[in-house]
Amino acid sequence: MKIVLAYSGGLDTSVLLSWIQEQYQAEMIAFCANIGQEEELRGLEAKAKRTGASRVFVDDLQEEFARDFIFPMIQAGAIYENQYFLGTSIARPLIAQRMVEIACAEKADAIAHGATGKGNDQVRFELTAAALAPELEVIAPWRDARFRKEFPGRAEMIAYCAKKRIPIEASAKKPYSMDRNLLHISYEAGILEDPWLDASAKEHKGMYKLSVSPEDAPARPEYATLDFEQGNCVAVNGKKLSPLGVMKTLNRVGGKHGIGRVDLVENRFVGMKSRGVYETPGGAILHFAHRQMETLTMDREVMHLRDSLIPKYAELVYYGFWFSPERQALQALVTKSQQHVTGTVRLKLYKGNIINAGRKSPVSLYNPNLATMEADPTKAYNPDDATGFIRLNSLRLKVAAQVYQRK
């Protein structure tokens, strides 16, 4: 049997590699995706091979992540439950997709992951595998009673690695878990399981990696311009950038000004509520600027239709249905809606705030002659016409009032 494992080199996946190999008498292939987590990847291949992997893939997927996953989601305006920028959710389909590609190329029988049995990631990985390669078996040790019995805690894992001479750097466990990629960092579990805990307090200042606190941000605002073409940001401050370059630049400038911190309680797909703290500096700026560009260039009814679908689109991403036919159908509508979202947005960044400071477009639908409260020199709009417009729109209200008043 041949199995492809999602591998990071940390304690959990090091144990998983060895344990799965033993339990299934399998040839193990380790896969690590570089999606901007900024973790030390040097030496990972040698470490995985010492732990038992026959082959190791370490793939840089950052550009693909930005171009094919983050940017289409930004075009859709997707935010889960009006708060969460979906940083972890949108990364999982890409990782699982590449795992499936490797499994098929290597003629593997299964893929394996270390997602817990109580979280969303197990669903996201496995729905992607089901959509792309339903013939592959999926191995999830944290849903295996044998694994949970053998490893009830971190101490047992460290002892296992010592016994098996698995190279790990055992360090003091943080009082929370962290997951980082190009779009965000998430913090959850541990001390954060108390929703009353103030994660913005000074004693937790060291937790944050991408941003300073708004209180510590510069006392002077910084201006930034973002250029859009058909709904995608193509330049920042006049400099042409790839999607990856856009994300890196906005993460840097946003973090400097304390942008994009969110502390929320969300509804997991598996049925429970979960508290999470997130840093999404670049994503928050991009989402805000994109919306400003849409206000100037997008038709009202197209915008309202797309907006009505945002909760569903965000839900599909959060639940793990990225490769579902319904998400792809929604994406086709989103792509069509973005054909005229072109122009420039100017923002002012100041102590955690994103403030609009101007917008312009060669295809702007804003007509100052129509919008002015002064006389319209073009006479394109006749105020007299509003009388009939109001009369027709109020007709059903008048009829209903007359009927109900008789009762």
Protein backbone atom coordinates (compact mmCIF):
# COMPACT_ATOMS: atom_id res chain seq x y z
CA MET A 1 0.00 0.00 0.00
CA LYS A 2 1.19 3.52 -0.84
CA ILE A 3 -0.03 6.58 1.09
CA VAL A 4 0.49 10.33 0.62
CA LEU A 5 0.57 12.22 3.93
CA ALA A 6 0.09 15.95 4.46
CA TYR A 7 3.32 16.61 6.38
CA SER A 8 4.71 19.67 8.16
CA GLY A 9 7.61 18.20 10.08
CA GLY A 10 6.07 19.07 13.42
CA LEU A 11 5.36 16.72 16.28
CA ASP A 12 1.91 15.57 15.12
CA THR A 13 2.74 14.77 11.50
CA SER A 14 6.08 13.19 12.45
CA VAL A 15 4.20 10.76 14.68
CA LEU A 16 1.55 10.24 12.01
CA LEU A 17 4.10 9.34 9.35
CA SER A 18 5.63 6.61 11.48
CA TRP A 19 2.36 5.35 13.00
CA ILE A 20 0.52 5.07 9.69
CA GLN A 21 3.50 3.29 8.15
CA GLU A 22 3.42 0.73 10.97
CA GLN A 23 -0.34 0.22 11.07
CA TYR A 24 -0.82 -0.12 7.32
CA GLN A 25 2.58 -1.61 6.39
CA ALA A 26 2.65 1.14 3.80
CA GLU A 27 5.11 3.05 1.71
CA MET A 28 4.82 6.66 2.84
CA ILE A 29 5.11 9.74 0.64
CA ALA A 30 5.31 13.05 2.51
CA PHE A 31 3.91 16.26 1.04
CA CYS A 32 4.33 19.79 2.34
CA ALA A 33 2.75 22.80 0.64
CA ASN A 34 4.38 26.21 0.92
CA ILE A 35 1.37 28.54 1.00
CA GLY A 36 3.10 31.39 2.76
CA GLN A 37 3.26 29.95 6.27
CA GLU A 38 6.83 31.28 6.68
CA GLU A 39 7.86 28.14 8.47
CA GLU A 40 11.36 26.75 8.19
CA LEU A 41 11.22 24.37 5.22
CA ARG A 42 14.95 23.74 4.91
CA GLY A 43 15.84 20.25 6.06
CA LEU A 44 12.25 19.05 5.82
CA GLU A 45 12.97 16.47 3.12
CA ALA A 46 15.82 14.88 5.06
CA LYS A 47 13.75 14.85 8.23
CA ALA A 48 10.80 13.15 6.53
CA LYS A 49 13.06 10.50 5.01
CA ARG A 50 14.67 9.79 8.40
CA THR A 51 11.17 9.34 9.79
CA GLY A 52 10.29 6.80 7.11
CA ALA A 53 9.14 8.55 3.93
CA SER A 54 10.25 7.04 0.64
CA ARG A 55 9.66 10.29 -1.24
CA VAL A 56 9.11 13.89 -0.18
CA PHE A 57 7.41 16.71 -2.09
CA VAL A 58 7.82 20.30 -0.91
CA ASP A 59 5.88 22.47 -3.38
CA ASP A 60 5.70 26.25 -3.51
CA LEU A 61 2.00 26.95 -4.18
CA GLN A 62 1.93 30.61 -3.12
CA GLU A 63 1.31 32.16 -6.54
CA GLU A 64 -1.37 29.61 -7.36
CA PHE A 65 -2.95 30.20 -3.95
CA ALA A 66 -3.19 33.94 -4.53
CA ARG A 67 -4.26 33.78 -8.18
CA ASP A 68 -6.67 30.85 -8.27
CA PHE A 69 -8.10 30.81 -4.76
CA ILE A 70 -7.76 34.11 -2.87
CA PHE A 71 -8.49 36.47 -5.79
CA PRO A 72 -11.65 34.67 -7.03
CA MET A 73 -12.95 34.65 -3.44
CA ILE A 74 -12.24 38.38 -3.07
CA GLN A 75 -14.18 39.01 -6.29
CA ALA A 76 -17.14 37.26 -4.68
CA GLY A 77 -16.89 39.52 -1.61
CA ALA A 78 -17.01 36.41 0.56
CA ILE A 79 -16.86 36.78 4.34
CA TYR A 80 -18.26 33.99 6.52
CA GLU A 81 -20.88 35.16 9.01
CA ASN A 82 -19.94 38.77 8.21
CA GLN A 83 -16.65 38.49 10.12
CA TYR A 84 -14.30 35.73 8.97
CA PHE A 85 -12.12 36.31 5.88
CA LEU A 86 -11.88 32.52 5.30
CA GLY A 87 -8.08 32.36 5.45
CA THR A 88 -7.81 28.74 6.58
CA SER A 89 -10.89 27.57 4.68
CA ILE A 90 -9.64 28.70 1.27
CA ALA A 91 -6.19 27.10 1.72
CA ARG A 92 -7.38 23.56 2.37
CA PRO A 93 -8.79 22.80 -1.11
CA LEU A 94 -5.47 23.79 -2.70
CA ILE A 95 -3.44 21.56 -0.36
CA ALA A 96 -5.83 18.65 -0.87
CA GLN A 97 -5.84 19.18 -4.64
CA ARG A 98 -2.06 18.91 -4.79
CA MET A 99 -2.12 15.84 -2.54
CA VAL A 100 -4.54 14.18 -4.92
CA GLU A 101 -2.36 15.09 -7.92
CA ILE A 102 0.69 13.53 -6.24
CA ALA A 103 -1.28 10.46 -5.22
CA CYS A 104 -2.48 9.91 -8.77
CA ALA A 105 0.98 10.49 -10.27
CA GLU A 106 2.59 8.13 -7.75
CA LYS A 107 -0.21 5.56 -8.09
CA ALA A 108 -0.92 5.77 -4.37
CA ASP A 109 -3.85 4.00 -2.75
CA ALA A 110 -4.70 6.64 -0.16
CA ILE A 111 -4.08 10.08 1.23
CA ALA A 112 -3.77 10.88 4.94
CA HIS A 113 -4.12 14.00 7.04
CA GLY A 114 -3.73 15.06 10.65
CA ALA A 115 -6.87 17.16 11.00
CA THR A 116 -8.71 16.65 14.27
CA GLY A 117 -12.02 14.84 14.46
CA LYS A 118 -13.81 17.92 15.83
CA GLY A 119 -12.80 20.54 13.29
CA ASN A 120 -13.67 21.74 9.82
CA ASP A 121 -10.41 20.82 8.09
CA GLN A 122 -11.13 17.09 8.01
CA VAL A 123 -14.26 17.87 6.01
CA ARG A 124 -12.48 20.26 3.64
CA PHE A 125 -9.69 17.79 2.85
CA GLU A 126 -12.02 14.89 2.29
CA LEU A 127 -14.66 16.72 0.24
CA THR A 128 -11.89 17.87 -2.10
CA ALA A 129 -10.58 14.32 -2.43
CA ALA A 130 -14.09 13.03 -3.08
CA ALA A 131 -14.62 15.59 -5.83
CA LEU A 132 -11.26 15.06 -7.55
CA ALA A 133 -10.38 11.39 -6.96
CA PRO A 134 -13.23 9.44 -5.35
CA GLU A 135 -11.31 6.19 -5.75
CA LEU A 136 -8.68 7.26 -3.19
CA GLU A 137 -9.01 6.04 0.39
CA VAL A 138 -8.67 8.72 3.08
CA ILE A 139 -6.89 7.92 6.34
CA ALA A 140 -7.67 10.17 9.30
CA PRO A 141 -5.86 8.88 12.42
CA TRP A 142 -7.52 11.34 14.80
CA ARG A 143 -10.80 9.57 14.02
CA ASP A 144 -9.18 6.19 14.73
CA ALA A 145 -9.77 5.00 18.31
CA ARG A 146 -6.46 3.09 18.26
CA PHE A 147 -4.51 6.28 17.60
CA ARG A 148 -6.38 8.32 20.19
CA LYS A 149 -5.85 5.61 22.80
CA GLU A 150 -2.12 5.44 22.13
CA PHE A 151 -1.70 9.22 22.05
CA PRO A 152 -4.03 10.88 24.57
CA GLY A 153 -1.63 13.82 24.87
CA ARG A 154 1.54 15.56 23.79
CA ALA A 155 3.76 13.70 26.30
CA GLU A 156 2.93 10.34 24.72
CA MET A 157 3.84 11.70 21.29
CA ILE A 158 7.20 12.99 22.50
CA ALA A 159 7.93 9.62 24.16
CA TYR A 160 6.98 7.80 20.95
CA CYS A 161 9.39 9.93 18.93
CA ALA A 162 12.20 9.28 21.42
CA LYS A 163 11.55 5.54 21.24
CA LYS A 164 11.49 5.55 17.44
CA ARG A 165 14.38 8.03 17.20
CA ILE A 166 12.22 10.40 15.20
CA PRO A 167 13.90 13.83 15.00
CA ILE A 168 11.70 16.48 16.56
CA GLU A 169 12.22 19.78 18.32
CA ALA A 170 10.12 19.33 21.42
CA SER A 171 9.36 22.74 22.89
CA ALA A 172 6.99 24.15 25.45
CA LYS A 173 3.48 24.03 24.06
CA LYS A 174 1.96 27.43 23.31
CA PRO A 175 -1.27 28.20 25.20
CA TYR A 176 -3.09 28.24 21.83
CA SER A 177 -2.73 26.74 18.35
CA MET A 178 -1.68 28.76 15.30
CA ASP A 179 -2.09 28.29 11.55
CA ARG A 180 -0.47 30.67 9.06
CA ASN A 181 -0.65 31.17 5.32
CA LEU A 182 -0.43 33.97 2.77
CA LEU A 183 -3.90 35.30 3.60
CA HIS A 184 -3.91 35.18 7.40
CA ILE A 185 -2.88 33.71 10.73
CA SER A 186 -5.46 32.02 12.93
CA TYR A 187 -5.21 31.43 16.67
CA GLU A 188 -7.53 29.12 18.55
CA ALA A 189 -7.84 26.57 21.38
CA GLY A 190 -6.09 26.68 24.73
CA ILE A 191 -6.62 29.96 26.57
CA LEU A 192 -8.67 31.28 23.65
CA GLU A 193 -11.45 28.78 24.35
CA ASP A 194 -12.72 31.27 26.93
CA PRO A 195 -14.75 33.77 24.86
CA TRP A 196 -14.50 36.33 27.69
CA LEU A 197 -10.69 36.45 27.47
CA ASP A 198 -9.50 39.75 26.00
CA ALA A 199 -7.05 38.71 23.27
CA SER A 200 -6.20 42.36 22.62
CA ALA A 201 -4.88 42.87 26.18
CA LYS A 202 -1.23 43.77 26.68
CA GLU A 203 -0.35 40.40 28.21
CA HIS A 204 -1.27 38.69 24.90
CA LYS A 205 0.62 41.15 22.72
CA GLY A 206 3.27 38.56 21.88
CA MET A 207 0.73 36.26 20.23
CA TYR A 208 0.37 38.36 17.09
CA LYS A 209 2.78 37.85 14.19
CA LEU A 210 1.46 39.83 11.21
CA SER A 211 0.33 43.09 12.79
CA VAL A 212 0.98 45.57 15.55
CA SER A 213 -1.86 46.52 17.83
CA PRO A 214 -3.80 49.60 16.67
CA GLU A 215 -2.59 51.42 19.81
CA ASP A 216 1.04 50.84 18.76
CA ALA A 217 0.52 51.69 15.08
CA PRO A 218 2.09 54.89 13.67
CA ALA A 219 0.53 58.18 14.74
CA ARG A 220 0.50 59.38 11.13
CA PRO A 221 -1.78 57.81 8.49
CA GLU A 222 -0.40 56.22 5.34
CA TYR A 223 -2.05 56.46 1.91
CA ALA A 224 -2.11 53.60 -0.57
CA THR A 225 -3.57 53.22 -4.05
CA LEU A 226 -4.81 49.95 -5.50
CA ASP A 227 -5.40 49.53 -9.24
CA PHE A 228 -8.02 47.02 -10.39
CA GLU A 229 -8.66 45.34 -13.72
CA GLN A 230 -11.84 43.29 -14.05
CA GLY A 231 -12.09 42.85 -10.29
CA ASN A 232 -8.48 41.86 -9.65
CA CYS A 233 -5.87 44.08 -8.01
CA VAL A 234 -2.96 44.46 -10.44
CA ALA A 235 -0.90 47.25 -8.84
CA VAL A 236 -0.24 48.83 -5.46
CA ASN A 237 0.98 52.44 -5.29
CA GLY A 238 1.43 52.39 -9.05
CA LYS A 239 3.69 49.33 -9.06
CA LYS A 240 2.49 46.39 -11.16
CA LEU A 241 2.41 43.20 -9.10
CA SER A 242 1.40 39.57 -9.44
CA PRO A 243 -1.37 38.32 -7.14
CA LEU A 244 1.32 37.00 -4.80
CA GLY A 245 3.10 40.34 -4.87
CA VAL A 246 -0.15 42.15 -4.08
CA MET A 247 -0.80 39.96 -1.04
CA LYS A 248 2.73 40.31 0.33
CA THR A 249 2.73 44.07 -0.14
CA LEU A 250 -0.68 44.58 1.48
CA ASN A 251 0.18 42.24 4.36
CA ARG A 252 3.26 44.33 5.09
CA VAL A 253 1.58 47.75 4.94
CA GLY A 254 -1.57 46.55 6.67
CA GLY A 255 0.33 44.90 9.49
CA LYS A 256 2.28 48.10 10.06
CA HIS A 257 -0.98 49.95 10.77
CA GLY A 258 -2.76 47.27 12.83
CA ILE A 259 -5.23 46.39 10.07
CA GLY A 260 -7.27 43.19 9.92
CA ARG A 261 -7.46 41.85 13.46
CA VAL A 262 -10.70 39.96 14.12
CA ASP A 263 -11.82 38.15 17.28
CA LEU A 264 -14.95 36.09 16.69
CA VAL A 265 -17.09 33.13 17.63
CA GLU A 266 -18.03 31.16 14.52
CA ASN A 267 -20.30 28.25 13.73
CA ARG A 268 -18.30 25.22 12.63
CA PHE A 269 -19.70 22.95 9.94
CA VAL A 270 -19.54 19.98 12.31
CA GLY A 271 -22.08 21.63 14.62
CA MET A 272 -20.28 23.42 17.45
CA LYS A 273 -19.32 27.03 18.03
CA SER A 274 -15.64 27.93 18.05
CA ARG A 275 -13.73 31.03 19.15
CA GLY A 276 -10.92 32.22 16.91
CA VAL A 277 -8.62 35.23 16.65
CA TYR A 278 -7.38 36.17 13.20
CA GLU A 279 -4.89 38.51 11.56
CA THR A 280 -5.75 39.27 7.92
CA PRO A 281 -4.07 42.61 7.12
CA GLY A 282 -3.72 42.28 3.36
CA GLY A 283 -7.02 40.49 2.89
CA ALA A 284 -8.91 43.16 4.85
CA ILE A 285 -7.42 45.95 2.71
CA LEU A 286 -8.06 44.10 -0.54
CA HIS A 287 -11.66 43.29 0.38
CA PHE A 288 -12.40 46.91 1.36
CA ALA A 289 -10.75 48.40 -1.75
CA HIS A 290 -12.47 45.94 -4.06
CA ARG A 291 -15.85 46.89 -2.66
CA GLN A 292 -15.10 50.58 -3.16
CA MET A 293 -14.24 49.89 -6.79
CA GLU A 294 -17.49 48.01 -7.25
CA THR A 295 -19.58 50.87 -5.87
CA LEU A 296 -18.37 53.05 -8.72
CA THR A 297 -18.49 50.55 -11.59
CA MET A 298 -21.02 47.79 -10.93
CA ASP A 299 -24.64 47.91 -12.04
CA ARG A 300 -27.07 48.11 -9.12
CA GLU A 301 -29.07 44.97 -9.87
CA VAL A 302 -25.94 42.94 -10.65
CA MET A 303 -24.44 44.06 -7.34
CA HIS A 304 -27.58 43.23 -5.37
CA LEU A 305 -27.85 39.81 -7.01
CA ARG A 306 -24.19 39.01 -6.31
CA ASP A 307 -24.51 40.34 -2.76
CA SER A 308 -27.51 38.10 -2.11
CA LEU A 309 -25.29 35.12 -2.93
CA ILE A 310 -22.34 36.12 -0.72
CA PRO A 311 -23.56 34.18 2.37
CA LYS A 312 -24.00 31.03 0.28
CA TYR A 313 -20.64 31.41 -1.46
CA ALA A 314 -18.87 32.02 1.88
CA GLU A 315 -20.62 29.03 3.39
CA LEU A 316 -19.49 26.79 0.52
CA VAL A 317 -15.88 27.87 1.02
CA TYR A 318 -16.07 27.48 4.80
CA TYR A 319 -17.67 24.04 4.59
CA GLY A 320 -15.16 22.76 2.02
CA PHE A 321 -17.25 22.67 -1.15
CA TRP A 322 -14.73 24.60 -3.28
CA PHE A 323 -14.83 21.98 -6.05
CA SER A 324 -18.59 21.54 -5.95
CA PRO A 325 -20.70 22.33 -9.04
CA GLU A 326 -22.69 24.95 -7.14
CA ARG A 327 -19.57 26.93 -6.14
CA GLN A 328 -18.31 26.77 -9.72
CA ALA A 329 -21.67 27.98 -11.01
CA LEU A 330 -21.61 30.90 -8.56
CA GLN A 331 -18.04 31.69 -9.63
CA ALA A 332 -19.15 31.98 -13.24
CA LEU A 333 -21.71 34.61 -12.21
CA VAL A 334 -19.12 36.40 -10.08
CA THR A 335 -16.62 36.47 -12.94
CA LYS A 336 -19.23 37.97 -15.26
CA SER A 337 -20.11 40.59 -12.64
CA GLN A 338 -16.49 41.75 -12.50
CA GLN A 339 -15.97 42.59 -16.19
CA HIS A 340 -16.18 46.36 -15.59
CA VAL A 341 -14.68 46.52 -12.09
CA THR A 342 -11.67 48.52 -13.27
CA GLY A 343 -10.06 51.64 -11.87
CA THR A 344 -8.15 52.97 -8.88
CA VAL A 345 -8.99 53.20 -5.18
CA ARG A 346 -7.10 55.40 -2.73
CA LEU A 347 -7.10 54.40 0.94
CA LYS A 348 -5.94 55.96 4.18
CA LEU A 349 -4.64 53.46 6.74
CA TYR A 350 -4.62 54.63 10.34
CA LYS A 351 -4.49 52.70 13.62
CA GLY A 352 -6.51 49.68 12.57
CA ASN A 353 -8.84 51.63 10.27
CA ILE A 354 -9.22 51.48 6.50
CA ILE A 355 -10.64 54.79 5.30
CA ASN A 356 -11.67 55.50 1.74
CA ALA A 357 -9.80 58.49 0.34
CA GLY A 358 -10.94 58.45 -3.29
CA ARG A 359 -11.94 56.28 -6.22
CA LYS A 360 -11.90 56.72 -9.98
CA SER A 361 -12.55 54.61 -13.06
CA PRO A 362 -12.57 54.96 -16.84
CA VAL A 363 -15.86 53.01 -16.79
CA SER A 364 -17.46 54.74 -13.82
CA LEU A 365 -21.26 54.62 -13.70
CA TYR A 366 -21.30 57.64 -11.43
CA ASN A 367 -22.57 60.66 -13.37
CA PRO A 368 -22.21 63.95 -11.43
CA ASN A 369 -24.70 65.66 -13.76
CA LEU A 370 -27.33 63.09 -12.79
CA ALA A 371 -26.40 63.00 -9.10
CA THR A 372 -26.20 66.76 -8.55
CA MET A 373 -28.81 68.51 -6.45
CA GLU A 374 -28.45 71.47 -8.81
CA ALA A 375 -30.12 71.74 -12.19
CA ASP A 376 -29.09 68.94 -14.54
CA PRO A 377 -27.62 70.54 -17.67
CA THR A 378 -28.15 67.33 -19.66
CA LYS A 379 -31.84 67.06 -18.67
CA ALA A 380 -31.37 63.28 -18.54
CA TYR A 381 -33.52 63.10 -15.43
CA ASN A 382 -36.86 64.85 -15.10
CA PRO A 383 -38.04 65.15 -11.45
CA ASP A 384 -41.63 65.19 -12.68
CA ASP A 385 -41.25 61.52 -13.65
CA ALA A 386 -40.79 60.60 -9.99
CA THR A 387 -44.47 61.31 -9.32
CA GLY A 388 -45.65 58.39 -11.46
CA PHE A 389 -42.77 56.20 -10.25
CA ILE A 390 -43.80 56.71 -6.63
CA ARG A 391 -47.51 56.31 -7.43
CA LEU A 392 -46.95 52.93 -9.08
CA ASN A 393 -44.63 51.64 -6.36
CA SER A 394 -47.01 52.69 -3.60
CA LEU A 395 -50.10 51.17 -5.23
CA ARG A 396 -49.87 47.78 -3.48
CA LEU A 397 -49.23 49.49 -0.13
CA LYS A 398 -52.38 51.59 -0.52
CA VAL A 399 -54.48 48.57 -1.54
CA ALA A 400 -53.24 46.56 1.44
CA ALA A 401 -53.88 49.45 3.83
CA GLN A 402 -57.46 49.84 2.56
CA VAL A 403 -58.16 46.11 2.92
CA TYR A 404 -56.69 45.77 6.42
CA GLN A 405 -58.34 48.94 7.68
CA ARG A 406 -61.78 47.54 6.84
CA LYS A 407 -61.24 44.56 9.18
